[in-house]
Amino acid sequence: MLQQLGPDARLLAGGHSLLPMMKLRLATPAHVIDIDALAGELGYIRVATVTTSGTPELRIGAMTRHRDLLESKLLAEKLTIFTDAERVIADPVVRNRGTIGGALCQADPSEDLSAVCSAVGATMVIRGLDAERVLEMPEFHLGPYRTAVGPAEMLVEIRIPLSGQQGSAYEKVDRRAGDWAVAAAGASIQLGGRRIEQAGIALAAVGADITSTEAEQLLLGERPSDALLSTAARTAAQYTRPVTDQRGSAEYKRHVVSVLVERALHTAIARALGDGT
């Protein structure tokens, strides 16, 4: 149907991204294609093994509801950053209907799950009639409200590599429960012994690239310490470009980023070490 109707057609999954945009006349599709009937096929959370490498990865269907992400014991155990984020996303009405695929394809700069997926190194599976593409988050997320999904394609799955000594966390400041973030930060840490082998730091709502590459590089190969995490947090804040608005001044938001990144890193490392939260 997307191919037949052309670029003026939009997919409707849960509706909590597209419908508000239509109400504000920021989106005016000529055709809306309801894909709720695909929820059974594309709504899942499971672990699979990559055939070529034997590496386990967690796979999430694009029609998985926010509520299912929040209540998933598998995510709470393996990728707690999702549980953290879903606790502070919107309200029960939105969480019961909204989907991870819809949120990611909206690509709102204040959207939480884009930061979560960036922090954990997720890949996006995009399918058309003739082919399937697997993209890293920097290739998928092209900027505010822009993704690599083509006019006759749809996001069908999110894939996240799993490792043994891995921990992740999400921190957010908002004006009221469930609101868009004033600032938010996600962190994912993989340890080898007592050193950091992989690090992911991602931000939302502060005008930066989703992933804070400069801060991540500071952590690689190092032993975790308060001083190291504080330096990485300040570096992440340094590369943000927040704007002053009704949610706060740019200076305030930059300070909040530093605090949230440091908290998320501490929690992620504690979880990787099995020390709880």
C-alpha atoms as a PDB file:
ATOM      1  CA  MET A   1       0.000   0.000   0.000  1.00  0.00           C
ATOM      2  CA  LEU A   2       2.883   2.376   0.722  1.00  0.00           C
ATOM      3  CA  GLN A   3       4.281   1.712  -2.727  1.00  0.00           C
ATOM      4  CA  GLN A   4       0.881   2.118  -4.394  1.00  0.00           C
ATOM      5  CA  LEU A   5      -0.128   5.301  -2.569  1.00  0.00           C
ATOM      6  CA  GLY A   6       3.249   7.014  -2.788  1.00  0.00           C
ATOM      7  CA  PRO A   7       5.115   9.376  -0.435  1.00  0.00           C
ATOM      8  CA  ASP A   8       1.951  11.104   0.825  1.00  0.00           C
ATOM      9  CA  ALA A   9       0.955   7.959   2.745  1.00  0.00           C
ATOM     10  CA  ARG A  10       1.910   7.428   6.397  1.00  0.00           C
ATOM     11  CA  LEU A  11       1.776   4.372   8.634  1.00  0.00           C
ATOM     12  CA  LEU A  12      -0.341   4.494  11.788  1.00  0.00           C
ATOM     13  CA  ALA A  13       0.938   2.167  14.507  1.00  0.00           C
ATOM     14  CA  GLY A  14      -0.129   3.284  17.999  1.00  0.00           C
ATOM     15  CA  GLY A  15      -1.010   6.766  16.778  1.00  0.00           C
ATOM     16  CA  HIS A  16       0.529   8.693  19.674  1.00  0.00           C
ATOM     17  CA  SER A  17       3.233  10.246  17.496  1.00  0.00           C
ATOM     18  CA  LEU A  18       1.382  10.772  14.211  1.00  0.00           C
ATOM     19  CA  LEU A  19      -2.010  11.989  15.477  1.00  0.00           C
ATOM     20  CA  PRO A  20      -0.658  14.890  17.591  1.00  0.00           C
ATOM     21  CA  MET A  21       1.400  15.999  14.580  1.00  0.00           C
ATOM     22  CA  MET A  22      -1.734  15.901  12.410  1.00  0.00           C
ATOM     23  CA  LYS A  23      -3.727  17.904  14.975  1.00  0.00           C
ATOM     24  CA  LEU A  24      -1.061  20.615  14.884  1.00  0.00           C
ATOM     25  CA  ARG A  25      -0.975  20.474  11.055  1.00  0.00           C
ATOM     26  CA  LEU A  26       2.703  19.562  11.213  1.00  0.00           C
ATOM     27  CA  ALA A  27       1.870  16.378   9.298  1.00  0.00           C
ATOM     28  CA  THR A  28      -0.795  16.300   6.581  1.00  0.00           C
ATOM     29  CA  PRO A  29      -0.709  12.836   4.988  1.00  0.00           C
ATOM     30  CA  ALA A  30      -3.105  12.201   2.117  1.00  0.00           C
ATOM     31  CA  HIS A  31      -3.477   8.582   3.256  1.00  0.00           C
ATOM     32  CA  VAL A  32      -3.097   6.885   6.635  1.00  0.00           C
ATOM     33  CA  ILE A  33      -2.450   3.127   6.678  1.00  0.00           C
ATOM     34  CA  ASP A  34      -3.459   1.469   9.952  1.00  0.00           C
ATOM     35  CA  ILE A  35      -1.004  -1.351  10.750  1.00  0.00           C
ATOM     36  CA  ASP A  36      -2.495  -2.324  14.125  1.00  0.00           C
ATOM     37  CA  ALA A  37      -3.309  -5.741  12.674  1.00  0.00           C
ATOM     38  CA  LEU A  38       0.458  -6.417  12.527  1.00  0.00           C
ATOM     39  CA  ALA A  39       0.824  -6.089  16.307  1.00  0.00           C
ATOM     40  CA  GLY A  40       0.693  -9.855  16.764  1.00  0.00           C
ATOM     41  CA  GLU A  41       3.437 -10.499  14.228  1.00  0.00           C
ATOM     42  CA  LEU A  42       5.660  -7.521  15.042  1.00  0.00           C
ATOM     43  CA  GLY A  43       5.078  -7.216  18.782  1.00  0.00           C
ATOM     44  CA  TYR A  44       7.694  -9.327  20.591  1.00  0.00           C
ATOM     45  CA  ILE A  45      10.758  -9.230  22.848  1.00  0.00           C
ATOM     46  CA  ARG A  46      13.080 -12.234  22.574  1.00  0.00           C
ATOM     47  CA  VAL A  47      16.689 -13.357  22.523  1.00  0.00           C
ATOM     48  CA  ALA A  48      18.154 -14.797  19.322  1.00  0.00           C
ATOM     49  CA  THR A  49      21.592 -16.050  18.380  1.00  0.00           C
ATOM     50  CA  VAL A  50      23.414 -14.479  15.434  1.00  0.00           C
ATOM     51  CA  THR A  51      24.233 -17.377  13.119  1.00  0.00           C
ATOM     52  CA  THR A  52      27.549 -16.029  11.815  1.00  0.00           C
ATOM     53  CA  SER A  53      29.133 -15.111  15.151  1.00  0.00           C
ATOM     54  CA  GLY A  54      27.173 -17.080  17.722  1.00  0.00           C
ATOM     55  CA  THR A  55      26.593 -13.831  19.644  1.00  0.00           C
ATOM     56  CA  PRO A  56      23.269 -13.502  21.480  1.00  0.00           C
ATOM     57  CA  GLU A  57      21.212 -10.415  20.734  1.00  0.00           C
ATOM     58  CA  LEU A  58      17.916  -9.111  21.980  1.00  0.00           C
ATOM     59  CA  ARG A  59      15.288  -8.462  19.317  1.00  0.00           C
ATOM     60  CA  ILE A  60      12.254  -6.214  19.710  1.00  0.00           C
ATOM     61  CA  GLY A  61       9.479  -6.072  17.138  1.00  0.00           C
ATOM     62  CA  ALA A  62       8.623  -2.568  15.974  1.00  0.00           C
ATOM     63  CA  MET A  63       4.963  -2.919  17.039  1.00  0.00           C
ATOM     64  CA  THR A  64       5.874  -3.718  20.652  1.00  0.00           C
ATOM     65  CA  ARG A  65       3.895  -1.420  22.959  1.00  0.00           C
ATOM     66  CA  HIS A  66       5.499   0.779  25.592  1.00  0.00           C
ATOM     67  CA  ARG A  67       3.621  -1.151  28.271  1.00  0.00           C
ATOM     68  CA  ASP A  68       5.149  -4.445  27.106  1.00  0.00           C
ATOM     69  CA  LEU A  69       8.624  -2.904  27.223  1.00  0.00           C
ATOM     70  CA  LEU A  70       7.972  -1.629  30.743  1.00  0.00           C
ATOM     71  CA  GLU A  71       6.676  -4.970  32.020  1.00  0.00           C
ATOM     72  CA  SER A  72       9.261  -7.189  30.268  1.00  0.00           C
ATOM     73  CA  LYS A  73      11.265  -9.267  32.762  1.00  0.00           C
ATOM     74  CA  LEU A  74      13.773 -10.010  29.992  1.00  0.00           C
ATOM     75  CA  LEU A  75      14.514  -6.306  29.460  1.00  0.00           C
ATOM     76  CA  ALA A  76      14.610  -5.649  33.205  1.00  0.00           C
ATOM     77  CA  GLU A  77      17.292  -8.328  33.519  1.00  0.00           C
ATOM     78  CA  LYS A  78      19.332  -7.801  30.340  1.00  0.00           C
ATOM     79  CA  LEU A  79      18.817  -4.146  29.359  1.00  0.00           C
ATOM     80  CA  THR A  80      17.494  -2.260  32.344  1.00  0.00           C
ATOM     81  CA  ILE A  81      17.847   1.055  30.510  1.00  0.00           C
ATOM     82  CA  PHE A  82      14.574   0.264  28.717  1.00  0.00           C
ATOM     83  CA  THR A  83      12.766  -0.280  32.027  1.00  0.00           C
ATOM     84  CA  ASP A  84      14.215   2.959  33.407  1.00  0.00           C
ATOM     85  CA  ALA A  85      13.088   4.934  30.359  1.00  0.00           C
ATOM     86  CA  GLU A  86       9.623   3.420  30.100  1.00  0.00           C
ATOM     87  CA  ARG A  87       8.873   4.358  33.712  1.00  0.00           C
ATOM     88  CA  VAL A  88       9.146   8.042  32.737  1.00  0.00           C
ATOM     89  CA  ILE A  89       7.499   7.977  29.293  1.00  0.00           C
ATOM     90  CA  ALA A  90       4.101   9.650  29.070  1.00  0.00           C
ATOM     91  CA  ASP A  91       1.136   8.068  30.892  1.00  0.00           C
ATOM     92  CA  PRO A  92      -0.723   4.708  30.880  1.00  0.00           C
ATOM     93  CA  VAL A  93      -3.002   5.747  27.987  1.00  0.00           C
ATOM     94  CA  VAL A  94      -0.016   6.419  25.731  1.00  0.00           C
ATOM     95  CA  ARG A  95       1.980   3.433  26.991  1.00  0.00           C
ATOM     96  CA  ASN A  96      -0.916   1.055  26.307  1.00  0.00           C
ATOM     97  CA  ARG A  97      -1.084   2.031  22.617  1.00  0.00           C
ATOM     98  CA  GLY A  98       2.176   3.693  21.581  1.00  0.00           C
ATOM     99  CA  THR A  99       4.870   1.525  19.975  1.00  0.00           C
ATOM    100  CA  ILE A 100       8.659   1.553  19.966  1.00  0.00           C
ATOM    101  CA  GLY A 101       8.683   1.662  16.158  1.00  0.00           C
ATOM    102  CA  GLY A 102       6.399   4.679  16.059  1.00  0.00           C
ATOM    103  CA  ALA A 103       8.524   6.512  18.619  1.00  0.00           C
ATOM    104  CA  LEU A 104      11.783   5.819  16.788  1.00  0.00           C
ATOM    105  CA  CYS A 105      10.371   6.777  13.381  1.00  0.00           C
ATOM    106  CA  GLN A 106       8.994  10.031  14.802  1.00  0.00           C
ATOM    107  CA  ALA A 107      12.610  10.956  15.683  1.00  0.00           C
ATOM    108  CA  ASP A 108      11.533  13.741  18.001  1.00  0.00           C
ATOM    109  CA  PRO A 109      14.661  15.351  19.509  1.00  0.00           C
ATOM    110  CA  SER A 110      13.142  14.954  23.001  1.00  0.00           C
ATOM    111  CA  GLU A 111      12.100  11.328  22.462  1.00  0.00           C
ATOM    112  CA  ASP A 112      13.494   8.858  25.010  1.00  0.00           C
ATOM    113  CA  LEU A 113      13.797   5.579  23.101  1.00  0.00           C
ATOM    114  CA  SER A 114      16.068   7.020  20.396  1.00  0.00           C
ATOM    115  CA  ALA A 115      18.566   7.868  23.137  1.00  0.00           C
ATOM    116  CA  VAL A 116      18.094   4.444  24.724  1.00  0.00           C
ATOM    117  CA  CYS A 117      18.711   2.587  21.454  1.00  0.00           C
ATOM    118  CA  SER A 118      21.729   4.754  20.663  1.00  0.00           C
ATOM    119  CA  ALA A 119      23.305   4.129  24.066  1.00  0.00           C
ATOM    120  CA  VAL A 120      23.042   0.329  23.743  1.00  0.00           C
ATOM    121  CA  GLY A 121      24.314   0.192  20.145  1.00  0.00           C
ATOM    122  CA  ALA A 122      21.047  -1.011  18.619  1.00  0.00           C
ATOM    123  CA  THR A 123      20.594  -1.681  14.910  1.00  0.00           C
ATOM    124  CA  MET A 124      17.387  -1.016  12.999  1.00  0.00           C
ATOM    125  CA  VAL A 125      15.890  -3.493  10.527  1.00  0.00           C
ATOM    126  CA  ILE A 126      14.071  -1.705   7.691  1.00  0.00           C
ATOM    127  CA  ARG A 127      12.047  -3.716   5.178  1.00  0.00           C
ATOM    128  CA  GLY A 128      10.612  -2.948   1.756  1.00  0.00           C
ATOM    129  CA  LEU A 129       8.953  -5.220  -0.783  1.00  0.00           C
ATOM    130  CA  ASP A 130      12.231  -6.155  -2.422  1.00  0.00           C
ATOM    131  CA  ALA A 131      14.908  -5.967   0.274  1.00  0.00           C
ATOM    132  CA  GLU A 132      15.799  -5.608   3.929  1.00  0.00           C
ATOM    133  CA  ARG A 133      18.369  -3.199   5.362  1.00  0.00           C
ATOM    134  CA  VAL A 134      20.073  -3.260   8.753  1.00  0.00           C
ATOM    135  CA  LEU A 135      21.332   0.159   9.899  1.00  0.00           C
ATOM    136  CA  GLU A 136      23.244   1.428  12.921  1.00  0.00           C
ATOM    137  CA  MET A 137      21.471   4.180  14.860  1.00  0.00           C
ATOM    138  CA  PRO A 138      23.670   6.994  13.438  1.00  0.00           C
ATOM    139  CA  GLU A 139      22.669   5.829   9.939  1.00  0.00           C
ATOM    140  CA  PHE A 140      19.001   5.465  10.889  1.00  0.00           C
ATOM    141  CA  HIS A 141      18.484   8.698  12.832  1.00  0.00           C
ATOM    142  CA  LEU A 142      19.261  11.538  10.404  1.00  0.00           C
ATOM    143  CA  GLY A 143      18.212  14.455  12.618  1.00  0.00           C
ATOM    144  CA  PRO A 144      15.060  15.946  14.145  1.00  0.00           C
ATOM    145  CA  TYR A 145      11.998  14.218  12.648  1.00  0.00           C
ATOM    146  CA  ARG A 146      14.136  12.529   9.952  1.00  0.00           C
ATOM    147  CA  THR A 147      15.058   8.853   9.586  1.00  0.00           C
ATOM    148  CA  ALA A 148      16.461   6.637   6.854  1.00  0.00           C
ATOM    149  CA  VAL A 149      13.125   4.837   6.357  1.00  0.00           C
ATOM    150  CA  GLY A 150      12.144   5.328   2.706  1.00  0.00           C
ATOM    151  CA  PRO A 151       8.670   6.101   1.295  1.00  0.00           C
ATOM    152  CA  ALA A 152       7.884   2.427   0.619  1.00  0.00           C
ATOM    153  CA  GLU A 153       9.660   0.923   3.650  1.00  0.00           C
ATOM    154  CA  MET A 154       8.909   0.297   7.305  1.00  0.00           C
ATOM    155  CA  LEU A 155      10.891  -0.336  10.464  1.00  0.00           C
ATOM    156  CA  VAL A 156      10.215  -3.931  11.536  1.00  0.00           C
ATOM    157  CA  GLU A 157      12.742  -4.804  14.257  1.00  0.00           C
ATOM    158  CA  ILE A 158      15.300  -3.454  16.712  1.00  0.00           C
ATOM    159  CA  ARG A 159      18.362  -5.607  17.493  1.00  0.00           C
ATOM    160  CA  ILE A 160      20.699  -5.133  20.453  1.00  0.00           C
ATOM    161  CA  PRO A 161      23.889  -7.134  21.132  1.00  0.00           C
ATOM    162  CA  LEU A 162      24.145  -8.774  24.549  1.00  0.00           C
ATOM    163  CA  SER A 163      27.266  -9.454  26.580  1.00  0.00           C
ATOM    164  CA  GLY A 164      28.025 -10.951  29.965  1.00  0.00           C
ATOM    165  CA  GLN A 165      29.320  -8.046  32.041  1.00  0.00           C
ATOM    166  CA  GLN A 166      26.933  -5.398  30.760  1.00  0.00           C
ATOM    167  CA  GLY A 167      24.957  -2.700  32.560  1.00  0.00           C
ATOM    168  CA  SER A 168      22.810   0.213  31.449  1.00  0.00           C
ATOM    169  CA  ALA A 169      20.721   3.029  32.921  1.00  0.00           C
ATOM    170  CA  TYR A 170      18.564   6.002  31.950  1.00  0.00           C
ATOM    171  CA  GLU A 171      18.117   9.295  33.790  1.00  0.00           C
ATOM    172  CA  LYS A 172      15.650  12.066  32.977  1.00  0.00           C
ATOM    173  CA  VAL A 173      14.530  15.422  34.332  1.00  0.00           C
ATOM    174  CA  ASP A 174      11.096  16.696  33.303  1.00  0.00           C
ATOM    175  CA  ARG A 175       8.705  19.355  34.574  1.00  0.00           C
ATOM    176  CA  ARG A 176       5.988  16.875  35.504  1.00  0.00           C
ATOM    177  CA  ALA A 177       5.553  13.111  35.357  1.00  0.00           C
ATOM    178  CA  GLY A 178       5.499  11.759  31.806  1.00  0.00           C
ATOM    179  CA  ASP A 179       6.383  15.082  30.183  1.00  0.00           C
ATOM    180  CA  TRP A 180       8.961  15.621  27.451  1.00  0.00           C
ATOM    181  CA  ALA A 181      12.441  15.822  28.940  1.00  0.00           C
ATOM    182  CA  VAL A 182      14.156  18.993  30.053  1.00  0.00           C
ATOM    183  CA  ALA A 183      17.222  16.819  29.583  1.00  0.00           C
ATOM    184  CA  ALA A 184      17.804  13.072  29.559  1.00  0.00           C
ATOM    185  CA  ALA A 185      20.789  10.746  29.365  1.00  0.00           C
ATOM    186  CA  GLY A 186      21.308   7.044  28.792  1.00  0.00           C
ATOM    187  CA  ALA A 187      24.462   5.026  29.445  1.00  0.00           C
ATOM    188  CA  SER A 188      25.545   1.500  28.602  1.00  0.00           C
ATOM    189  CA  ILE A 189      28.770  -0.074  29.867  1.00  0.00           C
ATOM    190  CA  GLN A 190      30.452  -3.368  29.025  1.00  0.00           C
ATOM    191  CA  LEU A 191      33.278  -4.410  31.317  1.00  0.00           C
ATOM    192  CA  GLY A 192      36.175  -6.756  30.720  1.00  0.00           C
ATOM    193  CA  GLY A 193      37.501  -7.575  34.151  1.00  0.00           C
ATOM    194  CA  ARG A 194      37.547  -4.171  35.789  1.00  0.00           C
ATOM    195  CA  ARG A 195      38.108  -2.108  32.649  1.00  0.00           C
ATOM    196  CA  ILE A 196      35.557  -0.533  30.333  1.00  0.00           C
ATOM    197  CA  GLU A 197      35.548  -2.384  27.002  1.00  0.00           C
ATOM    198  CA  GLN A 198      32.552  -0.626  25.438  1.00  0.00           C
ATOM    199  CA  ALA A 199      30.673   2.520  26.392  1.00  0.00           C
ATOM    200  CA  GLY A 200      27.546   4.151  25.063  1.00  0.00           C
ATOM    201  CA  ILE A 201      26.343   7.591  26.139  1.00  0.00           C
ATOM    202  CA  ALA A 202      23.272   9.134  24.516  1.00  0.00           C
ATOM    203  CA  LEU A 203      21.318  12.334  25.163  1.00  0.00           C
ATOM    204  CA  ALA A 204      17.845  13.700  24.487  1.00  0.00           C
ATOM    205  CA  ALA A 205      16.330  17.198  24.349  1.00  0.00           C
ATOM    206  CA  VAL A 206      19.609  19.152  24.510  1.00  0.00           C
ATOM    207  CA  GLY A 207      20.424  19.823  20.864  1.00  0.00           C
ATOM    208  CA  ALA A 208      23.366  17.438  20.624  1.00  0.00           C
ATOM    209  CA  ASP A 209      24.102  14.474  18.406  1.00  0.00           C
ATOM    210  CA  ILE A 210      22.266  11.569  20.006  1.00  0.00           C
ATOM    211  CA  THR A 211      25.479   9.731  20.879  1.00  0.00           C
ATOM    212  CA  SER A 212      28.221  11.550  22.782  1.00  0.00           C
ATOM    213  CA  THR A 213      31.244  10.091  21.005  1.00  0.00           C
ATOM    214  CA  GLU A 214      33.809  12.302  22.747  1.00  0.00           C
ATOM    215  CA  ALA A 215      32.674  11.210  26.200  1.00  0.00           C
ATOM    216  CA  GLU A 216      32.545   7.547  25.164  1.00  0.00           C
ATOM    217  CA  GLN A 217      36.151   7.642  23.942  1.00  0.00           C
ATOM    218  CA  LEU A 218      37.354   8.908  27.323  1.00  0.00           C
ATOM    219  CA  LEU A 219      36.014   5.782  29.023  1.00  0.00           C
ATOM    220  CA  LEU A 220      37.382   3.043  26.756  1.00  0.00           C
ATOM    221  CA  GLY A 221      40.095   0.901  28.305  1.00  0.00           C
ATOM    222  CA  GLU A 222      39.928   2.717  31.641  1.00  0.00           C
ATOM    223  CA  ARG A 223      39.148   1.469  35.127  1.00  0.00           C
ATOM    224  CA  PRO A 224      35.961   3.112  36.434  1.00  0.00           C
ATOM    225  CA  SER A 225      36.501   5.843  39.009  1.00  0.00           C
ATOM    226  CA  ASP A 226      34.558   8.827  40.303  1.00  0.00           C
ATOM    227  CA  ALA A 227      36.999  11.202  38.624  1.00  0.00           C
ATOM    228  CA  LEU A 228      36.765   9.412  35.266  1.00  0.00           C
ATOM    229  CA  LEU A 229      32.971   9.385  35.231  1.00  0.00           C
ATOM    230  CA  SER A 230      32.807  13.031  36.255  1.00  0.00           C
ATOM    231  CA  THR A 231      35.155  14.002  33.426  1.00  0.00           C
ATOM    232  CA  ALA A 232      33.138  12.004  30.892  1.00  0.00           C
ATOM    233  CA  ALA A 233      29.918  13.631  32.109  1.00  0.00           C
ATOM    234  CA  ARG A 234      31.354  17.148  31.771  1.00  0.00           C
ATOM    235  CA  THR A 235      32.619  16.278  28.296  1.00  0.00           C
ATOM    236  CA  ALA A 236      29.175  15.056  27.227  1.00  0.00           C
ATOM    237  CA  ALA A 237      27.640  18.317  28.478  1.00  0.00           C
ATOM    238  CA  GLN A 238      30.264  20.391  26.696  1.00  0.00           C
ATOM    239  CA  TYR A 239      29.144  19.167  23.273  1.00  0.00           C
ATOM    240  CA  THR A 240      25.433  19.903  23.775  1.00  0.00           C
ATOM    241  CA  ARG A 241      23.597  22.817  22.172  1.00  0.00           C
ATOM    242  CA  PRO A 242      20.515  23.395  24.360  1.00  0.00           C
ATOM    243  CA  VAL A 243      18.242  26.382  23.855  1.00  0.00           C
ATOM    244  CA  THR A 244      16.619  28.556  26.475  1.00  0.00           C
ATOM    245  CA  ASP A 245      12.856  27.974  26.585  1.00  0.00           C
ATOM    246  CA  GLN A 246       9.980  27.463  29.025  1.00  0.00           C
ATOM    247  CA  ARG A 247      11.719  24.346  30.357  1.00  0.00           C
ATOM    248  CA  GLY A 248      14.833  26.212  31.455  1.00  0.00           C
ATOM    249  CA  SER A 249      17.892  28.141  30.391  1.00  0.00           C
ATOM    250  CA  ALA A 250      20.606  26.694  28.187  1.00  0.00           C
ATOM    251  CA  GLU A 251      23.085  26.946  31.070  1.00  0.00           C
ATOM    252  CA  TYR A 252      20.752  25.049  33.385  1.00  0.00           C
ATOM    253  CA  LYS A 253      20.154  22.285  30.835  1.00  0.00           C
ATOM    254  CA  ARG A 254      23.878  21.846  30.229  1.00  0.00           C
ATOM    255  CA  HIS A 255      24.421  21.475  33.971  1.00  0.00           C
ATOM    256  CA  VAL A 256      21.596  18.926  34.179  1.00  0.00           C
ATOM    257  CA  VAL A 257      23.172  16.883  31.369  1.00  0.00           C
ATOM    258  CA  SER A 258      26.423  16.614  33.316  1.00  0.00           C
ATOM    259  CA  VAL A 259      24.607  15.447  36.445  1.00  0.00           C
ATOM    260  CA  LEU A 260      22.422  12.923  34.599  1.00  0.00           C
ATOM    261  CA  VAL A 261      25.272  11.396  32.583  1.00  0.00           C
ATOM    262  CA  GLU A 262      27.327  10.902  35.745  1.00  0.00           C
ATOM    263  CA  ARG A 263      24.382   9.256  37.536  1.00  0.00           C
ATOM    264  CA  ALA A 264      23.608   6.982  34.571  1.00  0.00           C
ATOM    265  CA  LEU A 265      27.254   5.907  34.279  1.00  0.00           C
ATOM    266  CA  HIS A 266      27.487   5.076  37.993  1.00  0.00           C
ATOM    267  CA  THR A 267      24.305   2.998  37.835  1.00  0.00           C
ATOM    268  CA  ALA A 268      25.310   1.251  34.598  1.00  0.00           C
ATOM    269  CA  ILE A 269      28.675   0.221  36.064  1.00  0.00           C
ATOM    270  CA  ALA A 270      27.087  -0.964  39.306  1.00  0.00           C
ATOM    271  CA  ARG A 271      24.683  -3.112  37.298  1.00  0.00           C
ATOM    272  CA  ALA A 272      27.505  -4.477  35.126  1.00  0.00           C
ATOM    273  CA  LEU A 273      29.338  -5.505  38.284  1.00  0.00           C
ATOM    274  CA  GLY A 274      26.184  -7.084  39.703  1.00  0.00           C
ATOM    275  CA  ASP A 275      26.108  -4.617  42.608  1.00  0.00           C
ATOM    276  CA  GLY A 276      22.452  -3.660  42.093  1.00  0.00           C
ATOM    277  CA  THR A 277      21.405  -0.040  41.490  1.00  0.00           C
END
